[in-house]
């Protein structure tokens, strides 16, 4: 699979959100290690899951606004097909 370097307007925002989600997940791991209440852990896991999903939405929006718009303009059907596969995987 060919890898192309991508840099979009929201790259910094994506990286910042990922860093926050990673930090949050690490704190959930500490909660488990400390034997915290399962309902508290589940609540925090839900927050991490939501944060990761929001990062995915941001990446998807950025991809559509840049890569897909360019693909449509140039008739690049492969990029459109890859987007369809990626969306299917993302919403599972």
PDB file of N, CA and C in Angstrom:
ATOM      1  N   UNK A   1       0.850  -1.178   0.000  1.00  0.00           N
ATOM      2  CA  UNK A   1       0.000   0.000   0.000  1.00  0.00           C
ATOM      3  C   UNK A   1       0.897   1.245   0.000  1.00  0.00           C
ATOM      4  N   UNK A   2       0.628   2.146  -0.897  1.00  0.00           N
ATOM      5  CA  UNK A   2       1.412   3.363  -1.003  1.00  0.00           C
ATOM      6  C   UNK A   2       1.046   4.315   0.122  1.00  0.00           C
ATOM      7  N   UNK A   3       2.050   4.897   0.736  1.00  0.00           N
ATOM      8  CA  UNK A   3       1.820   5.878   1.806  1.00  0.00           C
ATOM      9  C   UNK A   3       2.209   7.254   1.288  1.00  0.00           C
ATOM     10  N   UNK A   4       1.279   8.187   1.390  1.00  0.00           N
ATOM     11  CA  UNK A   4       1.571   9.550   0.999  1.00  0.00           C
ATOM     12  C   UNK A   4       1.482  10.408   2.242  1.00  0.00           C
ATOM     13  N   UNK A   5       2.368  11.365   2.331  1.00  0.00           N
ATOM     14  CA  UNK A   5       2.363  12.256   3.482  1.00  0.00           C
ATOM     15  C   UNK A   5       1.215  13.246   3.334  1.00  0.00           C
ATOM     16  N   UNK A   6       0.496  13.421   4.414  1.00  0.00           N
ATOM     17  CA  UNK A   6      -0.628  14.346   4.428  1.00  0.00           C
ATOM     18  C   UNK A   6      -0.380  15.405   5.494  1.00  0.00           C
ATOM     19  N   UNK A   7      -0.703  16.606   5.163  1.00  0.00           N
ATOM     20  CA  UNK A   7      -0.696  17.663   6.173  1.00  0.00           C
ATOM     21  C   UNK A   7      -1.880  18.562   5.864  1.00  0.00           C
ATOM     22  N   UNK A   8      -2.765  18.652   6.811  1.00  0.00           N
ATOM     23  CA  UNK A   8      -3.971  19.446   6.610  1.00  0.00           C
ATOM     24  C   UNK A   8      -4.063  20.519   7.679  1.00  0.00           C
ATOM     25  N   UNK A   9      -5.021  21.397   7.505  1.00  0.00           N
ATOM     26  CA  UNK A   9      -5.220  22.508   8.432  1.00  0.00           C
ATOM     27  C   UNK A   9      -5.461  22.038   9.862  1.00  0.00           C
ATOM     28  N   UNK A  10      -6.099  20.901  10.035  1.00  0.00           N
ATOM     29  CA  UNK A  10      -6.461  20.461  11.390  1.00  0.00           C
ATOM     30  C   UNK A  10      -5.444  19.496  12.001  1.00  0.00           C
ATOM     31  N   UNK A  11      -4.282  19.329  11.399  1.00  0.00           N
ATOM     32  CA  UNK A  11      -3.294  18.386  11.930  1.00  0.00           C
ATOM     33  C   UNK A  11      -2.935  18.707  13.381  1.00  0.00           C
ATOM     34  N   UNK A  12      -2.701  19.971  13.682  1.00  0.00           N
ATOM     35  CA  UNK A  12      -2.337  20.338  15.054  1.00  0.00           C
ATOM     36  C   UNK A  12      -3.484  20.036  16.020  1.00  0.00           C
ATOM     37  N   UNK A  13      -4.699  20.319  15.611  1.00  0.00           N
ATOM     38  CA  UNK A  13      -5.861  20.041  16.464  1.00  0.00           C
ATOM     39  C   UNK A  13      -6.007  18.542  16.687  1.00  0.00           C
ATOM     40  N   UNK A  14      -5.795  17.745  15.637  1.00  0.00           N
ATOM     41  CA  UNK A  14      -5.888  16.285  15.764  1.00  0.00           C
ATOM     42  C   UNK A  14      -4.832  15.793  16.748  1.00  0.00           C
ATOM     43  N   UNK A  15      -3.610  16.262  16.603  1.00  0.00           N
ATOM     44  CA  UNK A  15      -2.539  15.828  17.506  1.00  0.00           C
ATOM     45  C   UNK A  15      -2.816  16.242  18.947  1.00  0.00           C
ATOM     46  N   UNK A  16      -3.319  17.440  19.144  1.00  0.00           N
ATOM     47  CA  UNK A  16      -3.649  17.901  20.502  1.00  0.00           C
ATOM     48  C   UNK A  16      -4.756  17.053  21.114  1.00  0.00           C
ATOM     49  N   UNK A  17      -5.783  16.757  20.338  1.00  0.00           N
ATOM     50  CA  UNK A  17      -6.886  15.940  20.845  1.00  0.00           C
ATOM     51  C   UNK A  17      -6.432  14.513  21.143  1.00  0.00           C
ATOM     52  N   UNK A  18      -5.570  13.967  20.278  1.00  0.00           N
ATOM     53  CA  UNK A  18      -5.032  12.630  20.535  1.00  0.00           C
ATOM     54  C   UNK A  18      -4.213  12.611  21.819  1.00  0.00           C
ATOM     55  N   UNK A  19      -3.409  13.630  22.024  1.00  0.00           N
ATOM     56  CA  UNK A  19      -2.595  13.696  23.248  1.00  0.00           C
ATOM     57  C   UNK A  19      -3.485  13.734  24.486  1.00  0.00           C
ATOM     58  N   UNK A  20      -4.558  14.517  24.423  1.00  0.00           N
ATOM     59  CA  UNK A  20      -5.487  14.575  25.561  1.00  0.00           C
ATOM     60  C   UNK A  20      -6.161  13.232  25.787  1.00  0.00           C
ATOM     61  N   UNK A  21      -6.584  12.573  24.706  1.00  0.00           N
ATOM     62  CA  UNK A  21      -7.243  11.267  24.836  1.00  0.00           C
ATOM     63  C   UNK A  21      -6.281  10.236  25.414  1.00  0.00           C
ATOM     64  N   UNK A  22      -5.027  10.277  24.982  1.00  0.00           N
ATOM     65  CA  UNK A  22      -4.021   9.348  25.514  1.00  0.00           C
ATOM     66  C   UNK A  22      -3.817   9.595  27.002  1.00  0.00           C
ATOM     67  N   UNK A  23      -3.712  10.855  27.388  1.00  0.00           N
ATOM     68  CA  UNK A  23      -3.571  11.189  28.807  1.00  0.00           C
ATOM     69  C   UNK A  23      -4.757  10.720  29.622  1.00  0.00           C
ATOM     70  N   UNK A  24      -5.940  10.900  29.071  1.00  0.00           N
ATOM     71  CA  UNK A  24      -7.155  10.475  29.760  1.00  0.00           C
ATOM     72  C   UNK A  24      -7.163   8.958  29.903  1.00  0.00           C
ATOM     73  N   UNK A  25      -6.795   8.242  28.855  1.00  0.00           N
ATOM     74  CA  UNK A  25      -6.766   6.779  28.907  1.00  0.00           C
ATOM     75  C   UNK A  25      -5.736   6.292  29.919  1.00  0.00           C
ATOM     76  N   UNK A  26      -4.606   6.976  30.000  1.00  0.00           N
ATOM     77  CA  UNK A  26      -3.599   6.613  31.008  1.00  0.00           C
ATOM     78  C   UNK A  26      -4.148   6.801  32.423  1.00  0.00           C
ATOM     79  N   UNK A  27      -4.953   7.839  32.614  1.00  0.00           N
ATOM     80  CA  UNK A  27      -5.535   8.043  33.946  1.00  0.00           C
ATOM     81  C   UNK A  27      -6.572   6.955  34.253  1.00  0.00           C
ATOM     82  N   UNK A  28      -7.282   6.483  33.240  1.00  0.00           N
ATOM     83  CA  UNK A  28      -8.231   5.379  33.437  1.00  0.00           C
ATOM     84  C   UNK A  28      -7.459   4.109  33.808  1.00  0.00           C
ATOM     85  N   UNK A  29      -6.330   3.898  33.174  1.00  0.00           N
ATOM     86  CA  UNK A  29      -5.496   2.739  33.506  1.00  0.00           C
ATOM     87  C   UNK A  29      -5.075   2.807  34.982  1.00  0.00           C
ATOM     88  N   UNK A  30      -4.688   3.983  35.437  1.00  0.00           N
ATOM     89  CA  UNK A  30      -4.317   4.147  36.855  1.00  0.00           C
ATOM     90  C   UNK A  30      -5.511   3.858  37.759  1.00  0.00           C
ATOM     91  N   UNK A  31      -6.693   4.282  37.334  1.00  0.00           N
ATOM     92  CA  UNK A  31      -7.905   4.006  38.123  1.00  0.00           C
ATOM     93  C   UNK A  31      -8.076   2.500  38.303  1.00  0.00           C
ATOM     94  N   UNK A  32      -7.886   1.752  37.223  1.00  0.00           N
ATOM     95  CA  UNK A  32      -8.019   0.292  37.296  1.00  0.00           C
ATOM     96  C   UNK A  32      -6.947  -0.280  38.212  1.00  0.00           C
ATOM     97  N   UNK A  33      -5.718   0.198  38.069  1.00  0.00           N
ATOM     98  CA  UNK A  33      -4.615  -0.280  38.912  1.00  0.00           C
ATOM     99  C   UNK A  33      -4.877   0.001  40.390  1.00  0.00           C
ATOM    100  N   UNK A  34      -5.551   1.110  40.665  1.00  0.00           N
ATOM    101  CA  UNK A  34      -5.856   1.495  42.048  1.00  0.00           C
ATOM    102  C   UNK A  34      -7.113   0.819  42.583  1.00  0.00           C
ATOM    103  N   UNK A  35      -7.796   0.054  41.730  1.00  0.00           N
ATOM    104  CA  UNK A  35      -8.998  -0.646  42.174  1.00  0.00           C
ATOM    105  C   UNK A  35     -10.204   0.245  42.336  1.00  0.00           C
ATOM    106  N   UNK A  36     -10.274   1.323  41.548  1.00  0.00           N
ATOM    107  CA  UNK A  36     -11.408   2.239  41.645  1.00  0.00           C
ATOM    108  C   UNK A  36     -12.697   1.552  41.230  1.00  0.00           C
ATOM    109  N   UNK A  37     -13.787   2.130  41.631  1.00  0.00           N
ATOM    110  CA  UNK A  37     -15.119   1.604  41.360  1.00  0.00           C
ATOM    111  C   UNK A  37     -15.335   1.408  39.857  1.00  0.00           C
ATOM    112  N   UNK A  38     -15.876   0.254  39.510  1.00  0.00           N
ATOM    113  CA  UNK A  38     -16.085  -0.104  38.094  1.00  0.00           C
ATOM    114  C   UNK A  38     -16.964   0.907  37.366  1.00  0.00           C
ATOM    115  N   UNK A  39     -17.984   1.425  38.028  1.00  0.00           N
ATOM    116  CA  UNK A  39     -18.860   2.383  37.356  1.00  0.00           C
ATOM    117  C   UNK A  39     -18.108   3.669  37.024  1.00  0.00           C
ATOM    118  N   UNK A  40     -17.173   4.086  37.895  1.00  0.00           N
ATOM    119  CA  UNK A  40     -16.346   5.254  37.607  1.00  0.00           C
ATOM    120  C   UNK A  40     -15.447   4.981  36.403  1.00  0.00           C
ATOM    121  N   UNK A  41     -14.862   3.794  36.370  1.00  0.00           N
ATOM    122  CA  UNK A  41     -13.985   3.412  35.261  1.00  0.00           C
ATOM    123  C   UNK A  41     -14.775   3.409  33.956  1.00  0.00           C
ATOM    124  N   UNK A  42     -15.961   2.814  33.984  1.00  0.00           N
ATOM    125  CA  UNK A  42     -16.787   2.760  32.775  1.00  0.00           C
ATOM    126  C   UNK A  42     -17.168   4.160  32.291  1.00  0.00           C
ATOM    127  N   UNK A  43     -17.481   5.041  33.217  1.00  0.00           N
ATOM    128  CA  UNK A  43     -17.814   6.418  32.852  1.00  0.00           C
ATOM    129  C   UNK A  43     -16.633   7.094  32.164  1.00  0.00           C
ATOM    130  N   UNK A  44     -15.439   6.902  32.718  1.00  0.00           N
ATOM    131  CA  UNK A  44     -14.252   7.512  32.123  1.00  0.00           C
ATOM    132  C   UNK A  44     -13.894   6.871  30.785  1.00  0.00           C
ATOM    133  N   UNK A  45     -14.096   5.557  30.675  1.00  0.00           N
ATOM    134  CA  UNK A  45     -13.869   4.887  29.382  1.00  0.00           C
ATOM    135  C   UNK A  45     -14.824   5.434  28.318  1.00  0.00           C
ATOM    136  N   UNK A  46     -16.042   5.718  28.712  1.00  0.00           N
ATOM    137  CA  UNK A  46     -17.005   6.304  27.788  1.00  0.00           C
ATOM    138  C   UNK A  46     -16.518   7.663  27.299  1.00  0.00           C
ATOM    139  N   UNK A  47     -15.940   8.444  28.197  1.00  0.00           N
ATOM    140  CA  UNK A  47     -15.408   9.757  27.815  1.00  0.00           C
ATOM    141  C   UNK A  47     -14.233   9.614  26.848  1.00  0.00           C
ATOM    142  N   UNK A  48     -13.368   8.630  27.093  1.00  0.00           N
ATOM    143  CA  UNK A  48     -12.231   8.389  26.193  1.00  0.00           C
ATOM    144  C   UNK A  48     -12.739   7.959  24.819  1.00  0.00           C
ATOM    145  N   UNK A  49     -13.712   7.070  24.817  1.00  0.00           N
ATOM    146  CA  UNK A  49     -14.292   6.590  23.558  1.00  0.00           C
ATOM    147  C   UNK A  49     -14.879   7.753  22.765  1.00  0.00           C
ATOM    148  N   UNK A  50     -15.577   8.630  23.434  1.00  0.00           N
ATOM    149  CA  UNK A  50     -16.161   9.797  22.783  1.00  0.00           C
ATOM    150  C   UNK A  50     -15.066  10.714  22.223  1.00  0.00           C
ATOM    151  N   UNK A  51     -14.006  10.904  22.989  1.00  0.00           N
ATOM    152  CA  UNK A  51     -12.904  11.756  22.537  1.00  0.00           C
ATOM    153  C   UNK A  51     -12.248  11.184  21.285  1.00  0.00           C
ATOM    154  N   UNK A  52     -12.034   9.878  21.268  1.00  0.00           N
ATOM    155  CA  UNK A  52     -11.424   9.226  20.106  1.00  0.00           C
ATOM    156  C   UNK A  52     -12.363   9.332  18.900  1.00  0.00           C
ATOM    157  N   UNK A  53     -13.643   9.127  19.104  1.00  0.00           N
ATOM    158  CA  UNK A  53     -14.607   9.270  18.005  1.00  0.00           C
ATOM    159  C   UNK A  53     -14.611  10.688  17.451  1.00  0.00           C
ATOM    160  N   UNK A  54     -14.489  11.671  18.317  1.00  0.00           N
ATOM    161  CA  UNK A  54     -14.455  13.061  17.862  1.00  0.00           C
ATOM    162  C   UNK A  54     -13.200  13.352  17.048  1.00  0.00           C
ATOM    163  N   UNK A  55     -12.074  12.748  17.425  1.00  0.00           N
ATOM    164  CA  UNK A  55     -10.856  12.887  16.627  1.00  0.00           C
ATOM    165  C   UNK A  55     -11.090  12.273  15.244  1.00  0.00           C
ATOM    166  N   UNK A  56     -11.717  11.116  15.215  1.00  0.00           N
ATOM    167  CA  UNK A  56     -12.017  10.468  13.947  1.00  0.00           C
ATOM    168  C   UNK A  56     -12.892  11.338  13.058  1.00  0.00           C
ATOM    169  N   UNK A  57     -13.886  11.987  13.641  1.00  0.00           N
ATOM    170  CA  UNK A  57     -14.756  12.878  12.873  1.00  0.00           C
ATOM    171  C   UNK A  57     -13.963  14.046  12.288  1.00  0.00           C
ATOM    172  N   UNK A  58     -13.042  14.577  13.072  1.00  0.00           N
ATOM    173  CA  UNK A  58     -12.218  15.681  12.605  1.00  0.00           C
ATOM    174  C   UNK A  58     -11.326  15.246  11.444  1.00  0.00           C
ATOM    175  N   UNK A  59     -10.715  14.067  11.569  1.00  0.00           N
ATOM    176  CA  UNK A  59      -9.885  13.532  10.492  1.00  0.00           C
ATOM    177  C   UNK A  59     -10.738  13.292   9.247  1.00  0.00           C
ATOM    178  N   UNK A  60     -11.907  12.729   9.427  1.00  0.00           N
ATOM    179  CA  UNK A  60     -12.803  12.463   8.304  1.00  0.00           C
ATOM    180  C   UNK A  60     -13.208  13.756   7.600  1.00  0.00           C
ATOM    181  N   UNK A  61     -13.590  14.750   8.364  1.00  0.00           N
ATOM    182  CA  UNK A  61     -13.989  16.038   7.775  1.00  0.00           C
ATOM    183  C   UNK A  61     -12.833  16.657   6.990  1.00  0.00           C
ATOM    184  N   UNK A  62     -11.644  16.613   7.582  1.00  0.00           N
ATOM    185  CA  UNK A  62     -10.465  17.158   6.930  1.00  0.00           C
ATOM    186  C   UNK A  62     -10.177  16.399   5.633  1.00  0.00           C
ATOM    187  N   UNK A  63     -10.303  15.080   5.684  1.00  0.00           N
ATOM    188  CA  UNK A  63     -10.062  14.254   4.505  1.00  0.00           C
ATOM    189  C   UNK A  63     -11.053  14.598   3.390  1.00  0.00           C
ATOM    190  N   UNK A  64     -12.310  14.738   3.749  1.00  0.00           N
ATOM    191  CA  UNK A  64     -13.325  15.073   2.750  1.00  0.00           C
ATOM    192  C   UNK A  64     -13.060  16.454   2.157  1.00  0.00           C
ATOM    193  N   UNK A  65     -12.762  17.422   3.005  1.00  0.00           N
ATOM    194  CA  UNK A  65     -12.569  18.797   2.542  1.00  0.00           C
ATOM    195  C   UNK A  65     -11.337  18.966   1.664  1.00  0.00           C
ATOM    196  N   UNK A  66     -10.357  18.108   1.823  1.00  0.00           N
ATOM    197  CA  UNK A  66      -9.127  18.261   1.046  1.00  0.00           C
ATOM    198  C   UNK A  66      -8.941  17.130   0.048  1.00  0.00           C
ATOM    199  N   UNK A  67      -8.673  15.937   0.522  1.00  0.00           N
ATOM    200  CA  UNK A  67      -8.339  14.812  -0.354  1.00  0.00           C
ATOM    201  C   UNK A  67      -9.491  14.443  -1.281  1.00  0.00           C
ATOM    202  N   UNK A  68     -10.686  14.359  -0.735  1.00  0.00           N
ATOM    203  CA  UNK A  68     -11.827  13.913  -1.536  1.00  0.00           C
ATOM    204  C   UNK A  68     -12.223  14.998  -2.537  1.00  0.00           C
ATOM    205  N   UNK A  69     -12.201  16.240  -2.128  1.00  0.00           N
ATOM    206  CA  UNK A  69     -12.504  17.327  -3.060  1.00  0.00           C
ATOM    207  C   UNK A  69     -11.514  17.299  -4.224  1.00  0.00           C
ATOM    208  N   UNK A  70     -10.233  17.125  -3.920  1.00  0.00           N
ATOM    209  CA  UNK A  70      -9.220  17.016  -4.976  1.00  0.00           C
ATOM    210  C   UNK A  70      -9.459  15.793  -5.845  1.00  0.00           C
ATOM    211  N   UNK A  71      -9.825  14.677  -5.215  1.00  0.00           N
ATOM    212  CA  UNK A  71     -10.067  13.445  -5.964  1.00  0.00           C
ATOM    213  C   UNK A  71     -11.223  13.603  -6.934  1.00  0.00           C
ATOM    214  N   UNK A  72     -12.286  14.239  -6.496  1.00  0.00           N
ATOM    215  CA  UNK A  72     -13.442  14.452  -7.366  1.00  0.00           C
ATOM    216  C   UNK A  72     -13.044  15.353  -8.535  1.00  0.00           C
ATOM    217  N   UNK A  73     -12.292  16.390  -8.236  1.00  0.00           N
ATOM    218  CA  UNK A  73     -11.880  17.334  -9.284  1.00  0.00           C
ATOM    219  C   UNK A  73     -10.985  16.680 -10.337  1.00  0.00           C
ATOM    220  N   UNK A  74     -10.202  15.687  -9.913  1.00  0.00           N
ATOM    221  CA  UNK A  74      -9.269  15.046 -10.845  1.00  0.00           C
ATOM    222  C   UNK A  74      -9.756  13.693 -11.350  1.00  0.00           C
ATOM    223  N   UNK A  75     -10.944  13.268 -10.911  1.00  0.00           N
ATOM    224  CA  UNK A  75     -11.481  11.991 -11.352  1.00  0.00           C
ATOM    225  C   UNK A  75     -10.816  10.786 -10.702  1.00  0.00           C
ATOM    226  N   UNK A  76     -10.236  10.980  -9.528  1.00  0.00           N
ATOM    227  CA  UNK A  76      -9.533   9.914  -8.798  1.00  0.00           C
ATOM    228  C   UNK A  76     -10.548   9.058  -8.042  1.00  0.00           C
ATOM    229  N   UNK A  77     -11.035   8.001  -8.685  1.00  0.00           N
ATOM    230  CA  UNK A  77     -12.053   7.155  -8.060  1.00  0.00           C
ATOM    231  C   UNK A  77     -11.474   6.274  -6.958  1.00  0.00           C
ATOM    232  N   UNK A  78     -10.189   5.975  -7.006  1.00  0.00           N
ATOM    233  CA  UNK A  78      -9.568   5.133  -5.979  1.00  0.00           C
ATOM    234  C   UNK A  78      -9.662   5.789  -4.602  1.00  0.00           C
ATOM    235  N   UNK A  79      -9.426   7.087  -4.529  1.00  0.00           N
ATOM    236  CA  UNK A  79      -9.527   7.805  -3.252  1.00  0.00           C
ATOM    237  C   UNK A  79     -10.953   7.757  -2.717  1.00  0.00           C
ATOM    238  N   UNK A  80     -11.922   7.875  -3.601  1.00  0.00           N
ATOM    239  CA  UNK A  80     -13.328   7.808  -3.188  1.00  0.00           C
ATOM    240  C   UNK A  80     -13.645   6.415  -2.651  1.00  0.00           C
ATOM    241  N   UNK A  81     -13.170   5.383  -3.320  1.00  0.00           N
ATOM    242  CA  UNK A  81     -13.397   4.007  -2.862  1.00  0.00           C
ATOM    243  C   UNK A  81     -12.733   3.768  -1.505  1.00  0.00           C
ATOM    244  N   UNK A  82     -11.514   4.285  -1.325  1.00  0.00           N
ATOM    245  CA  UNK A  82     -10.812   4.139  -0.043  1.00  0.00           C
ATOM    246  C   UNK A  82     -11.581   4.837   1.072  1.00  0.00           C
ATOM    247  N   UNK A  83     -12.176   5.980   0.760  1.00  0.00           N
ATOM    248  CA  UNK A  83     -12.979   6.695   1.755  1.00  0.00           C
ATOM    249  C   UNK A  83     -14.152   5.843   2.195  1.00  0.00           C
ATOM    250  N   UNK A  84     -14.805   5.207   1.261  1.00  0.00           N
ATOM    251  CA  UNK A  84     -15.947   4.357   1.590  1.00  0.00           C
ATOM    252  C   UNK A  84     -15.540   3.227   2.535  1.00  0.00           C
ATOM    253  N   UNK A  85     -14.415   2.584   2.251  1.00  0.00           N
ATOM    254  CA  UNK A  85     -13.909   1.507   3.112  1.00  0.00           C
ATOM    255  C   UNK A  85     -13.562   2.065   4.495  1.00  0.00           C
ATOM    256  N   UNK A  86     -12.906   3.219   4.526  1.00  0.00           N
ATOM    257  CA  UNK A  86     -12.509   3.823   5.804  1.00  0.00           C
ATOM    258  C   UNK A  86     -13.725   4.191   6.648  1.00  0.00           C
ATOM    259  N   UNK A  87     -14.770   4.710   6.016  1.00  0.00           N
ATOM    260  CA  UNK A  87     -15.993   5.056   6.752  1.00  0.00           C
ATOM    261  C   UNK A  87     -16.626   3.801   7.335  1.00  0.00           C
ATOM    262  N   UNK A  88     -16.685   2.740   6.549  1.00  0.00           N
ATOM    263  CA  UNK A  88     -17.250   1.484   7.047  1.00  0.00           C
ATOM    264  C   UNK A  88     -16.492   1.003   8.285  1.00  0.00           C
ATOM    265  N   UNK A  89     -15.188   1.087   8.245  1.00  0.00           N
ATOM    266  CA  UNK A  89     -14.367   0.656   9.393  1.00  0.00           C
ATOM    267  C   UNK A  89     -14.560   1.572  10.589  1.00  0.00           C
ATOM    268  N   UNK A  90     -14.660   2.861  10.330  1.00  0.00           N
ATOM    269  CA  UNK A  90     -14.782   3.842  11.409  1.00  0.00           C
ATOM    270  C   UNK A  90     -16.098   3.700  12.160  1.00  0.00           C
ATOM    271  N   UNK A  91     -17.180   3.397  11.450  1.00  0.00           N
ATOM    272  CA  UNK A  91     -18.486   3.366  12.125  1.00  0.00           C
ATOM    273  C   UNK A  91     -18.850   1.999  12.683  1.00  0.00           C
ATOM    274  N   UNK A  92     -17.966   1.032  12.586  1.00  0.00           N
ATOM    275  CA  UNK A  92     -18.256  -0.293  13.158  1.00  0.00           C
ATOM    276  C   UNK A  92     -18.414  -0.204  14.659  1.00  0.00           C
TER     277      UNK A  92
END
